[in-house]
Amino acid sequence: MYLCTFKALQISKCDFGMYLTKEKKAEIFAKFGASATDTGSAEGQIALFSHRISHLTEHLKQNRKDHNTERSLVALVGKRRKLLNYLKKTDITRYRAIVEKLELRK
């Protein structure tokens, strides 16, 4: 099964878009959130965004002219920044803990 049907480019489902599986998401939420099913916590969301940001950054290193991915990356960074600001405003200890765990510059 091919997702892309261009003659010169045939990408299988395994090669494209499956970098973040259900198990990987559960692992991220279990490590940074309260539990594996706690998908709504700010810490879990920030960790998931950070994982996606690192993946898109690596993609953009190889594909410099991919402007759609660049736009998505900027949007994700903005979402993560908003969540970090919210966490900083409501609970500074949780904010400091997640910044330290994820080794974010701040």
PDB file of N, CA and C in Angstrom:
ATOM      1  N   MET A   1       0.832  -1.173   0.000  1.00  0.00           N
ATOM      2  CA  MET A   1       0.000   0.000   0.000  1.00  0.00           C
ATOM      3  C   MET A   1       0.879   1.240   0.000  1.00  0.00           C
ATOM      4  N   TYR A   2       0.637   2.140  -0.923  1.00  0.00           N
ATOM      5  CA  TYR A   2       1.412   3.363  -1.025  1.00  0.00           C
ATOM      6  C   TYR A   2       0.527   4.564  -0.728  1.00  0.00           C
ATOM      7  N   LEU A   3       1.076   5.478   0.042  1.00  0.00           N
ATOM      8  CA  LEU A   3       0.356   6.701   0.351  1.00  0.00           C
ATOM      9  C   LEU A   3       0.537   7.734  -0.749  1.00  0.00           C
ATOM     10  N   CYS A   4       1.700   7.730  -1.357  1.00  0.00           N
ATOM     11  CA  CYS A   4       2.019   8.701  -2.382  1.00  0.00           C
ATOM     12  C   CYS A   4       2.079   7.980  -3.722  1.00  0.00           C
ATOM     13  N   THR A   5       1.350   8.436  -4.714  1.00  0.00           N
ATOM     14  CA  THR A   5       1.266   7.710  -5.977  1.00  0.00           C
ATOM     15  C   THR A   5       2.021   8.381  -7.113  1.00  0.00           C
ATOM     16  N   PHE A   6       2.907   9.316  -6.806  1.00  0.00           N
ATOM     17  CA  PHE A   6       3.724   9.900  -7.855  1.00  0.00           C
ATOM     18  C   PHE A   6       4.619   8.819  -8.436  1.00  0.00           C
ATOM     19  N   LYS A   7       4.886   8.891  -9.734  1.00  0.00           N
ATOM     20  CA  LYS A   7       5.684   7.850 -10.379  1.00  0.00           C
ATOM     21  C   LYS A   7       7.098   7.784  -9.817  1.00  0.00           C
ATOM     22  N   ALA A   8       7.705   8.926  -9.573  1.00  0.00           N
ATOM     23  CA  ALA A   8       9.084   8.941  -9.105  1.00  0.00           C
ATOM     24  C   ALA A   8       9.205   8.720  -7.605  1.00  0.00           C
ATOM     25  N   LEU A   9       8.103   8.871  -6.882  1.00  0.00           N
ATOM     26  CA  LEU A   9       8.164   8.820  -5.427  1.00  0.00           C
ATOM     27  C   LEU A   9       7.080   7.908  -4.898  1.00  0.00           C
ATOM     28  N   GLN A  10       7.471   6.773  -4.387  1.00  0.00           N
ATOM     29  CA  GLN A  10       6.510   5.852  -3.791  1.00  0.00           C
ATOM     30  C   GLN A  10       6.954   5.582  -2.357  1.00  0.00           C
ATOM     31  N   ILE A  11       6.208   6.134  -1.429  1.00  0.00           N
ATOM     32  CA  ILE A  11       6.550   6.038  -0.019  1.00  0.00           C
ATOM     33  C   ILE A  11       5.568   5.096   0.652  1.00  0.00           C
ATOM     34  N   SER A  12       6.090   4.105   1.337  1.00  0.00           N
ATOM     35  CA  SER A  12       5.201   3.175   2.027  1.00  0.00           C
ATOM     36  C   SER A  12       4.730   3.781   3.337  1.00  0.00           C
ATOM     37  N   LYS A  13       3.715   3.177   3.919  1.00  0.00           N
ATOM     38  CA  LYS A  13       3.144   3.676   5.163  1.00  0.00           C
ATOM     39  C   LYS A  13       4.156   3.612   6.302  1.00  0.00           C
ATOM     40  N   CYS A  14       5.057   2.648   6.265  1.00  0.00           N
ATOM     41  CA  CYS A  14       6.053   2.503   7.317  1.00  0.00           C
ATOM     42  C   CYS A  14       7.071   3.640   7.282  1.00  0.00           C
ATOM     43  N   ASP A  15       7.344   4.180   6.099  1.00  0.00           N
ATOM     44  CA  ASP A  15       8.360   5.205   5.975  1.00  0.00           C
ATOM     45  C   ASP A  15       7.835   6.602   6.228  1.00  0.00           C
ATOM     46  N   PHE A  16       6.540   6.799   6.145  1.00  0.00           N
ATOM     47  CA  PHE A  16       5.991   8.149   6.125  1.00  0.00           C
ATOM     48  C   PHE A  16       4.906   8.308   7.183  1.00  0.00           C
ATOM     49  N   GLY A  17       5.098   9.222   8.116  1.00  0.00           N
ATOM     50  CA  GLY A  17       4.038   9.617   9.017  1.00  0.00           C
ATOM     51  C   GLY A  17       3.798   8.727  10.225  1.00  0.00           C
ATOM     52  N   MET A  18       4.518   7.676  10.417  1.00  0.00           N
ATOM     53  CA  MET A  18       4.256   6.789  11.543  1.00  0.00           C
ATOM     54  C   MET A  18       5.347   6.898  12.613  1.00  0.00           C
ATOM     55  N   TYR A  19       5.931   8.063  12.754  1.00  0.00           N
ATOM     56  CA  TYR A  19       6.973   8.227  13.752  1.00  0.00           C
ATOM     57  C   TYR A  19       6.400   8.284  15.159  1.00  0.00           C
ATOM     58  N   LEU A  20       5.122   8.608  15.289  1.00  0.00           N
ATOM     59  CA  LEU A  20       4.499   8.754  16.600  1.00  0.00           C
ATOM     60  C   LEU A  20       3.353   7.757  16.719  1.00  0.00           C
ATOM     61  N   THR A  21       3.670   6.590  17.238  1.00  0.00           N
ATOM     62  CA  THR A  21       2.671   5.542  17.365  1.00  0.00           C
ATOM     63  C   THR A  21       1.883   5.719  18.656  1.00  0.00           C
ATOM     64  N   LYS A  22       0.841   4.936  18.786  1.00  0.00           N
ATOM     65  CA  LYS A  22       0.005   4.980  19.989  1.00  0.00           C
ATOM     66  C   LYS A  22       0.825   4.605  21.226  1.00  0.00           C
ATOM     67  N   GLU A  23       1.723   3.640  21.072  1.00  0.00           N
ATOM     68  CA  GLU A  23       2.555   3.206  22.195  1.00  0.00           C
ATOM     69  C   GLU A  23       3.535   4.298  22.610  1.00  0.00           C
ATOM     70  N   LYS A  24       4.104   5.000  21.616  1.00  0.00           N
ATOM     71  CA  LYS A  24       5.048   6.074  21.916  1.00  0.00           C
ATOM     72  C   LYS A  24       4.347   7.222  22.650  1.00  0.00           C
ATOM     73  N   LYS A  25       3.118   7.554  22.222  1.00  0.00           N
ATOM     74  CA  LYS A  25       2.348   8.592  22.908  1.00  0.00           C
ATOM     75  C   LYS A  25       2.070   8.197  24.352  1.00  0.00           C
ATOM     76  N   ALA A  26       1.650   6.942  24.550  1.00  0.00           N
ATOM     77  CA  ALA A  26       1.368   6.468  25.905  1.00  0.00           C
ATOM     78  C   ALA A  26       2.627   6.525  26.769  1.00  0.00           C
ATOM     79  N   GLU A  27       3.769   6.201  26.178  1.00  0.00           N
ATOM     80  CA  GLU A  27       5.037   6.251  26.901  1.00  0.00           C
ATOM     81  C   GLU A  27       5.378   7.691  27.314  1.00  0.00           C
ATOM     82  N   ILE A  28       5.164   8.633  26.405  1.00  0.00           N
ATOM     83  CA  ILE A  28       5.443  10.046  26.709  1.00  0.00           C
ATOM     84  C   ILE A  28       4.525  10.538  27.820  1.00  0.00           C
ATOM     85  N   PHE A  29       3.221  10.220  27.714  1.00  0.00           N
ATOM     86  CA  PHE A  29       2.274  10.671  28.740  1.00  0.00           C
ATOM     87  C   PHE A  29       2.546   9.990  30.081  1.00  0.00           C
ATOM     88  N   ALA A  30       2.982   8.732  30.066  1.00  0.00           N
ATOM     89  CA  ALA A  30       3.288   8.047  31.320  1.00  0.00           C
ATOM     90  C   ALA A  30       4.523   8.651  31.985  1.00  0.00           C
ATOM     91  N   LYS A  31       5.492   9.046  31.184  1.00  0.00           N
ATOM     92  CA  LYS A  31       6.734   9.581  31.727  1.00  0.00           C
ATOM     93  C   LYS A  31       6.568  11.002  32.264  1.00  0.00           C
ATOM     94  N   PHE A  32       5.819  11.833  31.555  1.00  0.00           N
ATOM     95  CA  PHE A  32       5.736  13.242  31.920  1.00  0.00           C
ATOM     96  C   PHE A  32       4.400  13.640  32.540  1.00  0.00           C
ATOM     97  N   GLY A  33       3.327  12.896  32.248  1.00  0.00           N
ATOM     98  CA  GLY A  33       2.028  13.207  32.824  1.00  0.00           C
ATOM     99  C   GLY A  33       1.800  12.419  34.097  1.00  0.00           C
ATOM    100  N   ALA A  34       0.580  12.432  34.578  1.00  0.00           N
ATOM    101  CA  ALA A  34       0.252  11.691  35.790  1.00  0.00           C
ATOM    102  C   ALA A  34       0.167  10.190  35.514  1.00  0.00           C
ATOM    103  N   SER A  35      -0.358   9.822  34.324  1.00  0.00           N
ATOM    104  CA  SER A  35      -0.445   8.416  33.937  1.00  0.00           C
ATOM    105  C   SER A  35      -0.434   8.332  32.421  1.00  0.00           C
ATOM    106  N   ALA A  36      -0.454   7.103  31.898  1.00  0.00           N
ATOM    107  CA  ALA A  36      -0.413   6.908  30.448  1.00  0.00           C
ATOM    108  C   ALA A  36      -1.690   7.382  29.775  1.00  0.00           C
ATOM    109  N   THR A  37      -2.785   7.430  30.530  1.00  0.00           N
ATOM    110  CA  THR A  37      -4.056   7.861  29.945  1.00  0.00           C
ATOM    111  C   THR A  37      -4.368   9.325  30.237  1.00  0.00           C
ATOM    112  N   ASP A  38      -3.493  10.002  30.973  1.00  0.00           N
ATOM    113  CA  ASP A  38      -3.702  11.403  31.309  1.00  0.00           C
ATOM    114  C   ASP A  38      -3.167  12.277  30.169  1.00  0.00           C
ATOM    115  N   THR A  39      -3.970  12.411  29.120  1.00  0.00           N
ATOM    116  CA  THR A  39      -3.527  13.138  27.937  1.00  0.00           C
ATOM    117  C   THR A  39      -3.804  14.628  28.024  1.00  0.00           C
ATOM    118  N   GLY A  40      -4.477  15.077  29.043  1.00  0.00           N
ATOM    119  CA  GLY A  40      -4.860  16.474  29.132  1.00  0.00           C
ATOM    120  C   GLY A  40      -3.957  17.323  29.997  1.00  0.00           C
ATOM    121  N   SER A  41      -3.039  16.710  30.715  1.00  0.00           N
ATOM    122  CA  SER A  41      -2.184  17.502  31.600  1.00  0.00           C
ATOM    123  C   SER A  41      -1.243  18.370  30.771  1.00  0.00           C
ATOM    124  N   ALA A  42      -0.923  19.523  31.310  1.00  0.00           N
ATOM    125  CA  ALA A  42      -0.055  20.452  30.597  1.00  0.00           C
ATOM    126  C   ALA A  42       1.332  19.854  30.378  1.00  0.00           C
ATOM    127  N   GLU A  43       1.834  19.122  31.373  1.00  0.00           N
ATOM    128  CA  GLU A  43       3.161  18.520  31.248  1.00  0.00           C
ATOM    129  C   GLU A  43       3.211  17.490  30.116  1.00  0.00           C
ATOM    130  N   GLY A  44       2.170  16.655  30.038  1.00  0.00           N
ATOM    131  CA  GLY A  44       2.114  15.660  28.969  1.00  0.00           C
ATOM    132  C   GLY A  44       2.014  16.294  27.598  1.00  0.00           C
ATOM    133  N   GLN A  45       1.186  17.337  27.493  1.00  0.00           N
ATOM    134  CA  GLN A  45       1.040  18.047  26.218  1.00  0.00           C
ATOM    135  C   GLN A  45       2.360  18.702  25.807  1.00  0.00           C
ATOM    136  N   ILE A  46       3.040  19.330  26.743  1.00  0.00           N
ATOM    137  CA  ILE A  46       4.317  19.990  26.449  1.00  0.00           C
ATOM    138  C   ILE A  46       5.350  18.965  26.008  1.00  0.00           C
ATOM    139  N   ALA A  47       5.378  17.811  26.672  1.00  0.00           N
ATOM    140  CA  ALA A  47       6.325  16.760  26.292  1.00  0.00           C
ATOM    141  C   ALA A  47       6.023  16.230  24.890  1.00  0.00           C
ATOM    142  N   LEU A  48       4.741  16.045  24.585  1.00  0.00           N
ATOM    143  CA  LEU A  48       4.362  15.571  23.251  1.00  0.00           C
ATOM    144  C   LEU A  48       4.738  16.597  22.189  1.00  0.00           C
ATOM    145  N   PHE A  49       4.459  17.865  22.449  1.00  0.00           N
ATOM    146  CA  PHE A  49       4.835  18.915  21.504  1.00  0.00           C
ATOM    147  C   PHE A  49       6.347  18.952  21.315  1.00  0.00           C
ATOM    148  N   SER A  50       7.100  18.780  22.396  1.00  0.00           N
ATOM    149  CA  SER A  50       8.561  18.795  22.296  1.00  0.00           C
ATOM    150  C   SER A  50       9.066  17.648  21.437  1.00  0.00           C
ATOM    151  N   HIS A  51       8.454  16.482  21.584  1.00  0.00           N
ATOM    152  CA  HIS A  51       8.835  15.331  20.758  1.00  0.00           C
ATOM    153  C   HIS A  51       8.550  15.613  19.287  1.00  0.00           C
ATOM    154  N   ARG A  52       7.378  16.155  19.011  1.00  0.00           N
ATOM    155  CA  ARG A  52       7.007  16.471  17.634  1.00  0.00           C
ATOM    156  C   ARG A  52       7.898  17.567  17.065  1.00  0.00           C
ATOM    157  N   ILE A  53       8.252  18.560  17.879  1.00  0.00           N
ATOM    158  CA  ILE A  53       9.127  19.644  17.432  1.00  0.00           C
ATOM    159  C   ILE A  53      10.503  19.102  17.068  1.00  0.00           C
ATOM    160  N   SER A  54      11.042  18.210  17.870  1.00  0.00           N
ATOM    161  CA  SER A  54      12.358  17.648  17.561  1.00  0.00           C
ATOM    162  C   SER A  54      12.314  16.821  16.274  1.00  0.00           C
ATOM    163  N   HIS A  55      11.209  16.097  16.062  1.00  0.00           N
ATOM    164  CA  HIS A  55      11.068  15.318  14.833  1.00  0.00           C
ATOM    165  C   HIS A  55      10.995  16.237  13.608  1.00  0.00           C
ATOM    166  N   LEU A  56      10.190  17.295  13.695  1.00  0.00           N
ATOM    167  CA  LEU A  56      10.059  18.215  12.566  1.00  0.00           C
ATOM    168  C   LEU A  56      11.355  18.981  12.309  1.00  0.00           C
ATOM    169  N   THR A  57      12.099  19.278  13.351  1.00  0.00           N
ATOM    170  CA  THR A  57      13.382  19.954  13.188  1.00  0.00           C
ATOM    171  C   THR A  57      14.358  19.087  12.409  1.00  0.00           C
ATOM    172  N   GLU A  58      14.397  17.797  12.747  1.00  0.00           N
ATOM    173  CA  GLU A  58      15.261  16.876  12.009  1.00  0.00           C
ATOM    174  C   GLU A  58      14.815  16.765  10.548  1.00  0.00           C
ATOM    175  N   HIS A  59      13.521  16.758  10.313  1.00  0.00           N
ATOM    176  CA  HIS A  59      12.995  16.696   8.953  1.00  0.00           C
ATOM    177  C   HIS A  59      13.412  17.941   8.157  1.00  0.00           C
ATOM    178  N   LEU A  60      13.344  19.094   8.799  1.00  0.00           N
ATOM    179  CA  LEU A  60      13.684  20.337   8.108  1.00  0.00           C
ATOM    180  C   LEU A  60      15.180  20.478   7.848  1.00  0.00           C
ATOM    181  N   LYS A  61      16.003  19.783   8.618  1.00  0.00           N
ATOM    182  CA  LYS A  61      17.437  19.803   8.343  1.00  0.00           C
ATOM    183  C   LYS A  61      17.742  19.152   7.003  1.00  0.00           C
ATOM    184  N   GLN A  62      16.958  18.148   6.638  1.00  0.00           N
ATOM    185  CA  GLN A  62      17.157  17.452   5.374  1.00  0.00           C
ATOM    186  C   GLN A  62      16.357  18.079   4.241  1.00  0.00           C
ATOM    187  N   ASN A  63      15.211  18.696   4.547  1.00  0.00           N
ATOM    188  CA  ASN A  63      14.321  19.258   3.537  1.00  0.00           C
ATOM    189  C   ASN A  63      14.114  20.738   3.815  1.00  0.00           C
ATOM    190  N   ARG A  64      15.081  21.536   3.432  1.00  0.00           N
ATOM    191  CA  ARG A  64      15.072  22.961   3.781  1.00  0.00           C
ATOM    192  C   ARG A  64      13.926  23.732   3.144  1.00  0.00           C
ATOM    193  N   LYS A  65      13.447  23.288   2.011  1.00  0.00           N
ATOM    194  CA  LYS A  65      12.429  24.051   1.284  1.00  0.00           C
ATOM    195  C   LYS A  65      11.005  23.602   1.576  1.00  0.00           C
ATOM    196  N   ASP A  66      10.828  22.770   2.579  1.00  0.00           N
ATOM    197  CA  ASP A  66       9.502  22.284   2.945  1.00  0.00           C
ATOM    198  C   ASP A  66       8.808  23.331   3.814  1.00  0.00           C
ATOM    199  N   HIS A  67       8.118  24.255   3.166  1.00  0.00           N
ATOM    200  CA  HIS A  67       7.536  25.384   3.885  1.00  0.00           C
ATOM    201  C   HIS A  67       6.311  24.990   4.699  1.00  0.00           C
ATOM    202  N   ASN A  68       5.583  23.976   4.278  1.00  0.00           N
ATOM    203  CA  ASN A  68       4.424  23.527   5.057  1.00  0.00           C
ATOM    204  C   ASN A  68       4.858  22.967   6.405  1.00  0.00           C
ATOM    205  N   THR A  69       5.921  22.194   6.402  1.00  0.00           N
ATOM    206  CA  THR A  69       6.444  21.652   7.650  1.00  0.00           C
ATOM    207  C   THR A  69       6.990  22.769   8.527  1.00  0.00           C
ATOM    208  N   GLU A  70       7.630  23.745   7.905  1.00  0.00           N
ATOM    209  CA  GLU A  70       8.161  24.877   8.665  1.00  0.00           C
ATOM    210  C   GLU A  70       7.029  25.647   9.348  1.00  0.00           C
ATOM    211  N   ARG A  71       5.926  25.810   8.640  1.00  0.00           N
ATOM    212  CA  ARG A  71       4.758  26.500   9.206  1.00  0.00           C
ATOM    213  C   ARG A  71       4.174  25.699  10.373  1.00  0.00           C
ATOM    214  N   SER A  72       4.105  24.380  10.205  1.00  0.00           N
ATOM    215  CA  SER A  72       3.615  23.515  11.284  1.00  0.00           C
ATOM    216  C   SER A  72       4.533  23.584  12.499  1.00  0.00           C
ATOM    217  N   LEU A  73       5.832  23.638  12.254  1.00  0.00           N
ATOM    218  CA  LEU A  73       6.798  23.719  13.342  1.00  0.00           C
ATOM    219  C   LEU A  73       6.616  25.011  14.131  1.00  0.00           C
ATOM    220  N   VAL A  74       6.441  26.119  13.443  1.00  0.00           N
ATOM    221  CA  VAL A  74       6.240  27.404  14.116  1.00  0.00           C
ATOM    222  C   VAL A  74       4.955  27.372  14.946  1.00  0.00           C
ATOM    223  N   ALA A  75       3.904  26.752  14.400  1.00  0.00           N
ATOM    224  CA  ALA A  75       2.645  26.650  15.140  1.00  0.00           C
ATOM    225  C   ALA A  75       2.814  25.799  16.400  1.00  0.00           C
ATOM    226  N   LEU A  76       3.544  24.697  16.297  1.00  0.00           N
ATOM    227  CA  LEU A  76       3.771  23.832  17.463  1.00  0.00           C
ATOM    228  C   LEU A  76       4.588  24.549  18.534  1.00  0.00           C
ATOM    229  N   VAL A  77       5.596  25.283  18.098  1.00  0.00           N
ATOM    230  CA  VAL A  77       6.410  26.032  19.067  1.00  0.00           C
ATOM    231  C   VAL A  77       5.534  27.049  19.791  1.00  0.00           C
ATOM    232  N   GLY A  78       4.625  27.689  19.064  1.00  0.00           N
ATOM    233  CA  GLY A  78       3.710  28.645  19.684  1.00  0.00           C
ATOM    234  C   GLY A  78       2.775  27.992  20.678  1.00  0.00           C
ATOM    235  N   LYS A  79       2.250  26.821  20.334  1.00  0.00           N
ATOM    236  CA  LYS A  79       1.371  26.097  21.260  1.00  0.00           C
ATOM    237  C   LYS A  79       2.118  25.703  22.525  1.00  0.00           C
ATOM    238  N   ARG A  80       3.353  25.204  22.343  1.00  0.00           N
ATOM    239  CA  ARG A  80       4.143  24.813  23.513  1.00  0.00           C
ATOM    240  C   ARG A  80       4.456  26.024  24.376  1.00  0.00           C
ATOM    241  N   ARG A  81       4.762  27.155  23.732  1.00  0.00           N
ATOM    242  CA  ARG A  81       5.067  28.380  24.477  1.00  0.00           C
ATOM    243  C   ARG A  81       3.860  28.841  25.286  1.00  0.00           C
ATOM    244  N   LYS A  82       2.659  28.758  24.691  1.00  0.00           N
ATOM    245  CA  LYS A  82       1.441  29.147  25.407  1.00  0.00           C
ATOM    246  C   LYS A  82       1.199  28.249  26.609  1.00  0.00           C
ATOM    247  N   LEU A  83       1.398  26.940  26.444  1.00  0.00           N
ATOM    248  CA  LEU A  83       1.221  26.023  27.574  1.00  0.00           C
ATOM    249  C   LEU A  83       2.259  26.285  28.665  1.00  0.00           C
ATOM    250  N   LEU A  84       3.492  26.574  28.262  1.00  0.00           N
ATOM    251  CA  LEU A  84       4.523  26.883  29.252  1.00  0.00           C
ATOM    252  C   LEU A  84       4.188  28.168  29.998  1.00  0.00           C
ATOM    253  N   ASN A  85       3.684  29.173  29.292  1.00  0.00           N
ATOM    254  CA  ASN A  85       3.286  30.417  29.960  1.00  0.00           C
ATOM    255  C   ASN A  85       2.143  30.170  30.936  1.00  0.00           C
ATOM    256  N   TYR A  86       1.176  29.342  30.535  1.00  0.00           N
ATOM    257  CA  TYR A  86       0.054  29.003  31.420  1.00  0.00           C
ATOM    258  C   TYR A  86       0.565  28.312  32.681  1.00  0.00           C
ATOM    259  N   LEU A  87       1.453  27.335  32.488  1.00  0.00           N
ATOM    260  CA  LEU A  87       1.984  26.592  33.628  1.00  0.00           C
ATOM    261  C   LEU A  87       2.805  27.502  34.541  1.00  0.00           C
ATOM    262  N   LYS A  88       3.553  28.411  33.947  1.00  0.00           N
ATOM    263  CA  LYS A  88       4.359  29.356  34.725  1.00  0.00           C
ATOM    264  C   LYS A  88       3.474  30.265  35.565  1.00  0.00           C
ATOM    265  N   LYS A  89       2.348  30.671  34.986  1.00  0.00           N
ATOM    266  CA  LYS A  89       1.431  31.581  35.672  1.00  0.00           C
ATOM    267  C   LYS A  89       0.670  30.876  36.797  1.00  0.00           C
ATOM    268  N   THR A  90       0.296  29.594  36.588  1.00  0.00           N
ATOM    269  CA  THR A  90      -0.537  28.906  37.572  1.00  0.00           C
ATOM    270  C   THR A  90       0.263  28.160  38.634  1.00  0.00           C
ATOM    271  N   ASP A  91       1.344  27.476  38.222  1.00  0.00           N
ATOM    272  CA  ASP A  91       2.106  26.673  39.187  1.00  0.00           C
ATOM    273  C   ASP A  91       3.579  26.673  38.788  1.00  0.00           C
ATOM    274  N   ILE A  92       4.357  27.525  39.410  1.00  0.00           N
ATOM    275  CA  ILE A  92       5.751  27.731  39.027  1.00  0.00           C
ATOM    276  C   ILE A  92       6.611  26.493  39.293  1.00  0.00           C
ATOM    277  N   THR A  93       6.268  25.686  40.301  1.00  0.00           N
ATOM    278  CA  THR A  93       7.083  24.504  40.585  1.00  0.00           C
ATOM    279  C   THR A  93       6.921  23.447  39.490  1.00  0.00           C
ATOM    280  N   ARG A  94       5.687  23.256  39.018  1.00  0.00           N
ATOM    281  CA  ARG A  94       5.464  22.325  37.906  1.00  0.00           C
ATOM    282  C   ARG A  94       6.161  22.814  36.642  1.00  0.00           C
ATOM    283  N   TYR A  95       6.137  24.138  36.431  1.00  0.00           N
ATOM    284  CA  TYR A  95       6.810  24.737  35.279  1.00  0.00           C
ATOM    285  C   TYR A  95       8.307  24.455  35.323  1.00  0.00           C
ATOM    286  N   ARG A  96       8.918  24.715  36.466  1.00  0.00           N
ATOM    287  CA  ARG A  96      10.363  24.498  36.600  1.00  0.00           C
ATOM    288  C   ARG A  96      10.716  23.025  36.444  1.00  0.00           C
ATOM    289  N   ALA A  97       9.858  22.149  36.947  1.00  0.00           N
ATOM    290  CA  ALA A  97      10.121  20.713  36.839  1.00  0.00           C
ATOM    291  C   ALA A  97      10.083  20.245  35.388  1.00  0.00           C
ATOM    292  N   ILE A  98       9.087  20.687  34.614  1.00  0.00           N
ATOM    293  CA  ILE A  98       8.976  20.226  33.233  1.00  0.00           C
ATOM    294  C   ILE A  98      10.086  20.825  32.368  1.00  0.00           C
ATOM    295  N   VAL A  99      10.477  22.067  32.634  1.00  0.00           N
ATOM    296  CA  VAL A  99      11.576  22.675  31.879  1.00  0.00           C
ATOM    297  C   VAL A  99      12.875  21.935  32.158  1.00  0.00           C
ATOM    298  N   GLU A 100      13.065  21.531  33.405  1.00  0.00           N
ATOM    299  CA  GLU A 100      14.271  20.783  33.758  1.00  0.00           C
ATOM    300  C   GLU A 100      14.269  19.378  33.151  1.00  0.00           C
ATOM    301  N   LYS A 101      13.107  18.689  33.222  1.00  0.00           N
ATOM    302  CA  LYS A 101      13.007  17.337  32.674  1.00  0.00           C
ATOM    303  C   LYS A 101      13.245  17.306  31.168  1.00  0.00           C
ATOM    304  N   LEU A 102      12.663  18.273  30.465  1.00  0.00           N
ATOM    305  CA  LEU A 102      12.776  18.301  29.002  1.00  0.00           C
ATOM    306  C   LEU A 102      14.020  19.017  28.519  1.00  0.00           C
ATOM    307  N   GLU A 103      14.756  19.611  29.440  1.00  0.00           N
ATOM    308  CA  GLU A 103      15.978  20.346  29.128  1.00  0.00           C
ATOM    309  C   GLU A 103      15.723  21.429  28.094  1.00  0.00           C
ATOM    310  N   LEU A 104      14.658  22.214  28.353  1.00  0.00           N
ATOM    311  CA  LEU A 104      14.327  23.322  27.480  1.00  0.00           C
ATOM    312  C   LEU A 104      15.147  24.535  27.900  1.00  0.00           C
ATOM    313  N   ARG A 105      15.531  25.338  26.954  1.00  0.00           N
ATOM    314  CA  ARG A 105      16.264  26.565  27.276  1.00  0.00           C
ATOM    315  C   ARG A 105      15.287  27.590  27.815  1.00  0.00           C
ATOM    316  N   LYS A 106      15.572  28.123  28.957  1.00  0.00           N
ATOM    317  CA  LYS A 106      14.726  29.166  29.513  1.00  0.00           C
ATOM    318  C   LYS A 106      15.433  29.824  30.652  1.00  0.00           C
TER     319      LYS A 106
END
